[in-house]
């Protein structure tokens, strides 16, 4: 007799990650300030807290955001977890999520340096918490640059997307010849073609600033750190 629960046959870590993400999303809908507390801010921001480097992965900006991330985790997580094992899979998920953040912080630090001549200009900034604005006495900072600083310092990064891209990279790395049947592509496409194309698109969107508020280079960071970790573990490419 088939179990009607779609989570019943999922491996432990994938199942628990799905549950935690959904619970945190529901919680963020109830407690509206939770995103500011658990999303992650640029390290020089007065809103940054050390726990945010982990908690940001379990916060999401809306239903569409969490749906696509959790759908990807549901589809690709079980097979990767079965290959890596539960402990390694969890470590891989968290490592790629942090790796995504490292690259994103690097991008933000470069932007801040271009504007203020330093990656840590907070001593020359005055934050109006209620108005959500920033004032500066740094003569290097233009009005346009100040607007960018406001965005960087006041906007938290949320979502599991970095870890999800690490997961997609792992799937393509382990199963390069497995064909994926996707709704928006009329013919099945091998993972070794689809995953690199997806990452290249993210690189393009990241450098062209075409993605609005989406941190595309954080997605690239998740994939990059996932590749590095698989190599460190000595896992051979295309062994499945």
C-alpha atoms as a PDB file:
ATOM      1  CA  UNK A   1       0.000   0.000   0.000  1.00  0.00           C
ATOM      2  CA  UNK A   2       1.529   3.362  -1.022  1.00  0.00           C
ATOM      3  CA  UNK A   3       2.052   5.993   1.627  1.00  0.00           C
ATOM      4  CA  UNK A   4       0.230   9.181   0.665  1.00  0.00           C
ATOM      5  CA  UNK A   5       2.801  11.365   2.476  1.00  0.00           C
ATOM      6  CA  UNK A   6       5.210  12.721  -0.201  1.00  0.00           C
ATOM      7  CA  UNK A   7       7.931  13.218   2.438  1.00  0.00           C
ATOM      8  CA  UNK A   8       7.867   9.651   3.717  1.00  0.00           C
ATOM      9  CA  UNK A   9      10.363   8.281   1.216  1.00  0.00           C
ATOM     10  CA  UNK A  10      12.778  11.205   1.358  1.00  0.00           C
ATOM     11  CA  UNK A  11      16.183  10.733   3.007  1.00  0.00           C
ATOM     12  CA  UNK A  12      16.540  12.291   6.456  1.00  0.00           C
ATOM     13  CA  UNK A  13      18.508  15.466   5.753  1.00  0.00           C
ATOM     14  CA  UNK A  14      16.563  16.462   2.644  1.00  0.00           C
ATOM     15  CA  UNK A  15      13.274  15.924   4.469  1.00  0.00           C
ATOM     16  CA  UNK A  16      14.348  17.940   7.514  1.00  0.00           C
ATOM     17  CA  UNK A  17      15.730  20.785   5.396  1.00  0.00           C
ATOM     18  CA  UNK A  18      12.402  21.010   3.581  1.00  0.00           C
ATOM     19  CA  UNK A  19      10.490  21.065   6.873  1.00  0.00           C
ATOM     20  CA  UNK A  20      12.770  23.676   8.487  1.00  0.00           C
ATOM     21  CA  UNK A  21      12.579  25.976   5.464  1.00  0.00           C
ATOM     22  CA  UNK A  22       8.784  25.795   5.335  1.00  0.00           C
ATOM     23  CA  UNK A  23       8.436  26.344   9.092  1.00  0.00           C
ATOM     24  CA  UNK A  24      10.774  29.353   8.925  1.00  0.00           C
ATOM     25  CA  UNK A  25       8.849  30.760   5.972  1.00  0.00           C
ATOM     26  CA  UNK A  26       5.549  30.474   7.829  1.00  0.00           C
ATOM     27  CA  UNK A  27       7.200  32.059  10.857  1.00  0.00           C
ATOM     28  CA  UNK A  28       8.425  34.980   8.756  1.00  0.00           C
ATOM     29  CA  UNK A  29       4.862  35.567   7.576  1.00  0.00           C
ATOM     30  CA  UNK A  30       3.685  35.756  11.191  1.00  0.00           C
ATOM     31  CA  UNK A  31       6.630  37.691  12.650  1.00  0.00           C
ATOM     32  CA  UNK A  32       7.312  40.367  10.039  1.00  0.00           C
ATOM     33  CA  UNK A  33      10.565  41.595  11.655  1.00  0.00           C
ATOM     34  CA  UNK A  34      12.171  38.158  11.522  1.00  0.00           C
ATOM     35  CA  UNK A  35      13.771  38.819   8.130  1.00  0.00           C
ATOM     36  CA  UNK A  36      15.727  41.742   9.578  1.00  0.00           C
ATOM     37  CA  UNK A  37      16.876  39.544  12.442  1.00  0.00           C
ATOM     38  CA  UNK A  38      17.678  36.353  10.518  1.00  0.00           C
ATOM     39  CA  UNK A  39      18.431  37.525   6.983  1.00  0.00           C
ATOM     40  CA  UNK A  40      22.112  38.373   6.553  1.00  0.00           C
ATOM     41  CA  UNK A  41      23.499  41.906   6.198  1.00  0.00           C
ATOM     42  CA  UNK A  42      26.836  43.152   4.886  1.00  0.00           C
ATOM     43  CA  UNK A  43      29.343  42.587   7.759  1.00  0.00           C
ATOM     44  CA  UNK A  44      29.997  46.340   8.202  1.00  0.00           C
ATOM     45  CA  UNK A  45      26.276  47.050   8.581  1.00  0.00           C
ATOM     46  CA  UNK A  46      25.008  47.795  12.110  1.00  0.00           C
ATOM     47  CA  UNK A  47      22.320  45.174  11.458  1.00  0.00           C
ATOM     48  CA  UNK A  48      24.793  42.312  10.916  1.00  0.00           C
ATOM     49  CA  UNK A  49      24.779  39.480  13.462  1.00  0.00           C
ATOM     50  CA  UNK A  50      27.075  36.453  13.317  1.00  0.00           C
ATOM     51  CA  UNK A  51      24.251  33.888  13.376  1.00  0.00           C
ATOM     52  CA  UNK A  52      22.840  35.369  10.169  1.00  0.00           C
ATOM     53  CA  UNK A  53      25.459  33.537   8.054  1.00  0.00           C
ATOM     54  CA  UNK A  54      23.481  30.364   8.788  1.00  0.00           C
ATOM     55  CA  UNK A  55      19.946  31.557   9.396  1.00  0.00           C
ATOM     56  CA  UNK A  56      19.708  33.508   6.128  1.00  0.00           C
ATOM     57  CA  UNK A  57      19.573  30.197   4.237  1.00  0.00           C
ATOM     58  CA  UNK A  58      16.246  29.374   5.860  1.00  0.00           C
ATOM     59  CA  UNK A  59      14.542  32.704   5.183  1.00  0.00           C
ATOM     60  CA  UNK A  60      12.800  33.537   1.899  1.00  0.00           C
ATOM     61  CA  UNK A  61      11.434  36.658   0.270  1.00  0.00           C
ATOM     62  CA  UNK A  62       8.100  35.289  -0.907  1.00  0.00           C
ATOM     63  CA  UNK A  63       6.135  32.239  -1.987  1.00  0.00           C
ATOM     64  CA  UNK A  64       7.699  32.014  -5.462  1.00  0.00           C
ATOM     65  CA  UNK A  65      11.185  32.240  -3.955  1.00  0.00           C
ATOM     66  CA  UNK A  66      10.685  29.396  -1.500  1.00  0.00           C
ATOM     67  CA  UNK A  67       8.651  27.298  -3.956  1.00  0.00           C
ATOM     68  CA  UNK A  68      11.376  27.068  -6.586  1.00  0.00           C
ATOM     69  CA  UNK A  69      14.115  26.509  -4.018  1.00  0.00           C
ATOM     70  CA  UNK A  70      12.213  23.773  -2.221  1.00  0.00           C
ATOM     71  CA  UNK A  71      11.087  22.186  -5.486  1.00  0.00           C
ATOM     72  CA  UNK A  72      14.748  21.938  -6.520  1.00  0.00           C
ATOM     73  CA  UNK A  73      15.696  20.518  -3.125  1.00  0.00           C
ATOM     74  CA  UNK A  74      12.864  17.988  -3.369  1.00  0.00           C
ATOM     75  CA  UNK A  75      13.875  16.919  -6.894  1.00  0.00           C
ATOM     76  CA  UNK A  76      17.671  16.804  -6.616  1.00  0.00           C
ATOM     77  CA  UNK A  77      18.366  16.525  -2.875  1.00  0.00           C
ATOM     78  CA  UNK A  78      17.449  12.845  -2.378  1.00  0.00           C
ATOM     79  CA  UNK A  79      19.711  11.452  -5.103  1.00  0.00           C
ATOM     80  CA  UNK A  80      22.694  13.589  -4.050  1.00  0.00           C
ATOM     81  CA  UNK A  81      22.152  12.734  -0.387  1.00  0.00           C
ATOM     82  CA  UNK A  82      22.087   9.022  -1.212  1.00  0.00           C
ATOM     83  CA  UNK A  83      25.477   9.362  -2.913  1.00  0.00           C
ATOM     84  CA  UNK A  84      27.170  11.601  -0.353  1.00  0.00           C
ATOM     85  CA  UNK A  85      25.546  10.202   2.769  1.00  0.00           C
ATOM     86  CA  UNK A  86      23.565  12.200   5.325  1.00  0.00           C
ATOM     87  CA  UNK A  87      26.463  13.844   7.187  1.00  0.00           C
ATOM     88  CA  UNK A  88      28.364  14.879   4.070  1.00  0.00           C
ATOM     89  CA  UNK A  89      25.201  16.084   2.387  1.00  0.00           C
ATOM     90  CA  UNK A  90      24.341  18.369   5.305  1.00  0.00           C
ATOM     91  CA  UNK A  91      27.915  19.677   5.408  1.00  0.00           C
ATOM     92  CA  UNK A  92      27.790  20.230   1.644  1.00  0.00           C
ATOM     93  CA  UNK A  93      24.483  22.129   1.852  1.00  0.00           C
ATOM     94  CA  UNK A  94      25.694  24.449   4.630  1.00  0.00           C
ATOM     95  CA  UNK A  95      29.155  24.906   3.099  1.00  0.00           C
ATOM     96  CA  UNK A  96      27.755  25.950  -0.267  1.00  0.00           C
ATOM     97  CA  UNK A  97      25.290  28.299   1.407  1.00  0.00           C
ATOM     98  CA  UNK A  98      28.169  29.976   3.258  1.00  0.00           C
ATOM     99  CA  UNK A  99      30.275  29.935   0.076  1.00  0.00           C
ATOM    100  CA  UNK A 100      27.510  31.790  -1.747  1.00  0.00           C
ATOM    101  CA  UNK A 101      27.597  34.393   1.006  1.00  0.00           C
ATOM    102  CA  UNK A 102      31.389  34.772   0.820  1.00  0.00           C
ATOM    103  CA  UNK A 103      31.232  35.628  -2.884  1.00  0.00           C
ATOM    104  CA  UNK A 104      28.290  37.977  -2.312  1.00  0.00           C
ATOM    105  CA  UNK A 105      30.176  39.761   0.474  1.00  0.00           C
ATOM    106  CA  UNK A 106      33.168  40.056  -1.854  1.00  0.00           C
ATOM    107  CA  UNK A 107      31.014  41.691  -4.521  1.00  0.00           C
ATOM    108  CA  UNK A 108      29.478  44.068  -1.981  1.00  0.00           C
ATOM    109  CA  UNK A 109      32.904  44.922  -0.525  1.00  0.00           C
ATOM    110  CA  UNK A 110      34.133  45.822  -4.019  1.00  0.00           C
ATOM    111  CA  UNK A 111      31.107  48.073  -4.560  1.00  0.00           C
ATOM    112  CA  UNK A 112      31.594  49.757  -1.182  1.00  0.00           C
ATOM    113  CA  UNK A 113      35.318  50.278  -1.856  1.00  0.00           C
ATOM    114  CA  UNK A 114      34.580  51.911  -5.203  1.00  0.00           C
ATOM    115  CA  UNK A 115      32.191  54.337  -3.508  1.00  0.00           C
ATOM    116  CA  UNK A 116      33.972  55.106  -0.227  1.00  0.00           C
ATOM    117  CA  UNK A 117      37.617  54.105  -0.780  1.00  0.00           C
ATOM    118  CA  UNK A 118      37.359  51.448   1.951  1.00  0.00           C
ATOM    119  CA  UNK A 119      35.388  48.250   2.483  1.00  0.00           C
ATOM    120  CA  UNK A 120      34.445  49.363   5.998  1.00  0.00           C
ATOM    121  CA  UNK A 121      33.246  52.993   5.921  1.00  0.00           C
ATOM    122  CA  UNK A 122      30.808  52.666   8.809  1.00  0.00           C
ATOM    123  CA  UNK A 123      32.805  55.096  10.986  1.00  0.00           C
ATOM    124  CA  UNK A 124      31.952  57.861   8.495  1.00  0.00           C
ATOM    125  CA  UNK A 125      28.282  56.874   8.231  1.00  0.00           C
ATOM    126  CA  UNK A 126      25.313  57.823  10.373  1.00  0.00           C
ATOM    127  CA  UNK A 127      22.354  55.446  10.278  1.00  0.00           C
ATOM    128  CA  UNK A 128      18.794  56.659  10.753  1.00  0.00           C
ATOM    129  CA  UNK A 129      17.173  53.379  11.798  1.00  0.00           C
ATOM    130  CA  UNK A 130      13.603  54.656  11.639  1.00  0.00           C
ATOM    131  CA  UNK A 131      13.892  56.340   8.248  1.00  0.00           C
ATOM    132  CA  UNK A 132      16.072  53.582   6.814  1.00  0.00           C
ATOM    133  CA  UNK A 133      18.573  56.109   5.483  1.00  0.00           C
ATOM    134  CA  UNK A 134      22.306  56.724   5.776  1.00  0.00           C
ATOM    135  CA  UNK A 135      24.215  60.005   6.066  1.00  0.00           C
ATOM    136  CA  UNK A 136      27.934  60.429   5.529  1.00  0.00           C
ATOM    137  CA  UNK A 137      30.730  62.945   6.107  1.00  0.00           C
ATOM    138  CA  UNK A 138      33.016  61.122   3.672  1.00  0.00           C
ATOM    139  CA  UNK A 139      33.777  63.560   0.788  1.00  0.00           C
ATOM    140  CA  UNK A 140      34.440  60.608  -1.554  1.00  0.00           C
ATOM    141  CA  UNK A 141      30.807  59.490  -1.399  1.00  0.00           C
ATOM    142  CA  UNK A 142      28.501  61.000  -4.020  1.00  0.00           C
ATOM    143  CA  UNK A 143      24.745  61.182  -3.655  1.00  0.00           C
ATOM    144  CA  UNK A 144      24.351  58.277  -6.069  1.00  0.00           C
ATOM    145  CA  UNK A 145      26.986  56.327  -4.171  1.00  0.00           C
ATOM    146  CA  UNK A 146      25.198  57.007  -0.918  1.00  0.00           C
ATOM    147  CA  UNK A 147      22.058  55.450  -2.390  1.00  0.00           C
ATOM    148  CA  UNK A 148      24.014  52.300  -3.185  1.00  0.00           C
ATOM    149  CA  UNK A 149      25.417  52.227   0.352  1.00  0.00           C
ATOM    150  CA  UNK A 150      21.889  52.521   1.749  1.00  0.00           C
ATOM    151  CA  UNK A 151      20.873  49.498  -0.323  1.00  0.00           C
ATOM    152  CA  UNK A 152      23.892  47.423   0.708  1.00  0.00           C
ATOM    153  CA  UNK A 153      23.735  48.292   4.396  1.00  0.00           C
ATOM    154  CA  UNK A 154      19.952  48.139   4.837  1.00  0.00           C
ATOM    155  CA  UNK A 155      18.980  45.199   2.615  1.00  0.00           C
ATOM    156  CA  UNK A 156      19.324  41.653   3.976  1.00  0.00           C
ATOM    157  CA  UNK A 157      20.150  38.666   1.789  1.00  0.00           C
ATOM    158  CA  UNK A 158      17.759  35.751   2.236  1.00  0.00           C
ATOM    159  CA  UNK A 159      17.180  32.369   0.681  1.00  0.00           C
ATOM    160  CA  UNK A 160      18.573  28.892   0.124  1.00  0.00           C
ATOM    161  CA  UNK A 161      19.434  29.634  -3.516  1.00  0.00           C
ATOM    162  CA  UNK A 162      23.204  29.507  -2.979  1.00  0.00           C
ATOM    163  CA  UNK A 163      22.971  26.056  -1.413  1.00  0.00           C
ATOM    164  CA  UNK A 164      20.511  24.991  -4.115  1.00  0.00           C
ATOM    165  CA  UNK A 165      22.976  25.955  -6.852  1.00  0.00           C
ATOM    166  CA  UNK A 166      25.620  23.978  -5.021  1.00  0.00           C
ATOM    167  CA  UNK A 167      23.207  21.059  -5.052  1.00  0.00           C
ATOM    168  CA  UNK A 168      22.549  21.481  -8.792  1.00  0.00           C
ATOM    169  CA  UNK A 169      26.295  21.567  -9.418  1.00  0.00           C
ATOM    170  CA  UNK A 170      26.715  18.349  -7.427  1.00  0.00           C
ATOM    171  CA  UNK A 171      23.949  16.673  -9.408  1.00  0.00           C
ATOM    172  CA  UNK A 172      25.514  17.658 -12.727  1.00  0.00           C
ATOM    173  CA  UNK A 173      28.954  16.634 -11.446  1.00  0.00           C
ATOM    174  CA  UNK A 174      27.818  13.197 -10.276  1.00  0.00           C
ATOM    175  CA  UNK A 175      25.274  12.445 -13.003  1.00  0.00           C
ATOM    176  CA  UNK A 176      26.457  14.357 -16.109  1.00  0.00           C
ATOM    177  CA  UNK A 177      24.710  12.102 -18.614  1.00  0.00           C
ATOM    178  CA  UNK A 178      21.377  11.886 -16.838  1.00  0.00           C
ATOM    179  CA  UNK A 179      18.735  13.583 -18.975  1.00  0.00           C
ATOM    180  CA  UNK A 180      16.416  16.166 -17.469  1.00  0.00           C
ATOM    181  CA  UNK A 181      12.906  16.682 -18.825  1.00  0.00           C
ATOM    182  CA  UNK A 182      12.025  20.315 -18.160  1.00  0.00           C
ATOM    183  CA  UNK A 183       8.746  22.108 -18.853  1.00  0.00           C
ATOM    184  CA  UNK A 184      10.371  25.086 -20.577  1.00  0.00           C
ATOM    185  CA  UNK A 185      12.694  22.974 -22.769  1.00  0.00           C
ATOM    186  CA  UNK A 186      10.901  20.839 -25.417  1.00  0.00           C
ATOM    187  CA  UNK A 187      13.457  17.987 -25.406  1.00  0.00           C
ATOM    188  CA  UNK A 188      15.315  16.217 -22.571  1.00  0.00           C
ATOM    189  CA  UNK A 189      18.759  17.712 -21.942  1.00  0.00           C
ATOM    190  CA  UNK A 190      21.736  16.097 -20.224  1.00  0.00           C
ATOM    191  CA  UNK A 191      22.729  17.502 -16.853  1.00  0.00           C
ATOM    192  CA  UNK A 192      26.268  18.212 -18.079  1.00  0.00           C
ATOM    193  CA  UNK A 193      24.820  20.721 -20.535  1.00  0.00           C
ATOM    194  CA  UNK A 194      21.930  22.159 -18.551  1.00  0.00           C
ATOM    195  CA  UNK A 195      23.740  22.914 -15.264  1.00  0.00           C
ATOM    196  CA  UNK A 196      26.691  24.814 -16.855  1.00  0.00           C
ATOM    197  CA  UNK A 197      24.267  26.824 -19.020  1.00  0.00           C
ATOM    198  CA  UNK A 198      22.288  27.722 -15.899  1.00  0.00           C
ATOM    199  CA  UNK A 199      25.455  28.876 -14.111  1.00  0.00           C
ATOM    200  CA  UNK A 200      26.652  30.883 -17.129  1.00  0.00           C
ATOM    201  CA  UNK A 201      23.292  32.667 -17.209  1.00  0.00           C
ATOM    202  CA  UNK A 202      23.715  33.545 -13.532  1.00  0.00           C
ATOM    203  CA  UNK A 203      27.218  34.924 -14.218  1.00  0.00           C
ATOM    204  CA  UNK A 204      25.897  37.053 -17.070  1.00  0.00           C
ATOM    205  CA  UNK A 205      22.986  38.387 -15.001  1.00  0.00           C
ATOM    206  CA  UNK A 206      25.303  39.072 -12.072  1.00  0.00           C
ATOM    207  CA  UNK A 207      27.768  41.172 -14.052  1.00  0.00           C
ATOM    208  CA  UNK A 208      25.159  42.884 -16.210  1.00  0.00           C
ATOM    209  CA  UNK A 209      23.084  43.940 -13.183  1.00  0.00           C
ATOM    210  CA  UNK A 210      20.011  42.616 -15.008  1.00  0.00           C
ATOM    211  CA  UNK A 211      18.558  40.692 -12.123  1.00  0.00           C
ATOM    212  CA  UNK A 212      17.096  43.432  -9.976  1.00  0.00           C
ATOM    213  CA  UNK A 213      17.337  42.489  -6.308  1.00  0.00           C
ATOM    214  CA  UNK A 214      18.408  38.891  -7.012  1.00  0.00           C
ATOM    215  CA  UNK A 215      21.969  38.086  -5.864  1.00  0.00           C
ATOM    216  CA  UNK A 216      22.973  36.121  -8.970  1.00  0.00           C
ATOM    217  CA  UNK A 217      26.655  35.962  -8.049  1.00  0.00           C
ATOM    218  CA  UNK A 218      25.719  34.368  -4.729  1.00  0.00           C
ATOM    219  CA  UNK A 219      24.217  31.543  -6.796  1.00  0.00           C
ATOM    220  CA  UNK A 220      27.523  31.269  -8.652  1.00  0.00           C
ATOM    221  CA  UNK A 221      29.334  31.212  -5.307  1.00  0.00           C
ATOM    222  CA  UNK A 222      27.243  28.259  -4.156  1.00  0.00           C
ATOM    223  CA  UNK A 223      28.118  26.317  -7.311  1.00  0.00           C
ATOM    224  CA  UNK A 224      31.804  27.277  -7.092  1.00  0.00           C
ATOM    225  CA  UNK A 225      32.193  26.233  -3.474  1.00  0.00           C
ATOM    226  CA  UNK A 226      30.245  23.041  -4.170  1.00  0.00           C
ATOM    227  CA  UNK A 227      32.723  22.139  -6.910  1.00  0.00           C
ATOM    228  CA  UNK A 228      35.673  22.896  -4.613  1.00  0.00           C
ATOM    229  CA  UNK A 229      34.277  20.726  -1.808  1.00  0.00           C
ATOM    230  CA  UNK A 230      33.626  17.765  -4.125  1.00  0.00           C
ATOM    231  CA  UNK A 231      37.233  18.022  -5.311  1.00  0.00           C
ATOM    232  CA  UNK A 232      38.547  18.255  -1.729  1.00  0.00           C
ATOM    233  CA  UNK A 233      36.583  15.133  -0.843  1.00  0.00           C
ATOM    234  CA  UNK A 234      38.148  13.374  -3.830  1.00  0.00           C
ATOM    235  CA  UNK A 235      34.829  12.506  -5.434  1.00  0.00           C
ATOM    236  CA  UNK A 236      35.351  11.678  -9.096  1.00  0.00           C
ATOM    237  CA  UNK A 237      33.315  13.433 -11.746  1.00  0.00           C
ATOM    238  CA  UNK A 238      30.652  11.415 -13.546  1.00  0.00           C
ATOM    239  CA  UNK A 239      31.025   8.270 -11.478  1.00  0.00           C
ATOM    240  CA  UNK A 240      27.281   7.617 -11.649  1.00  0.00           C
END
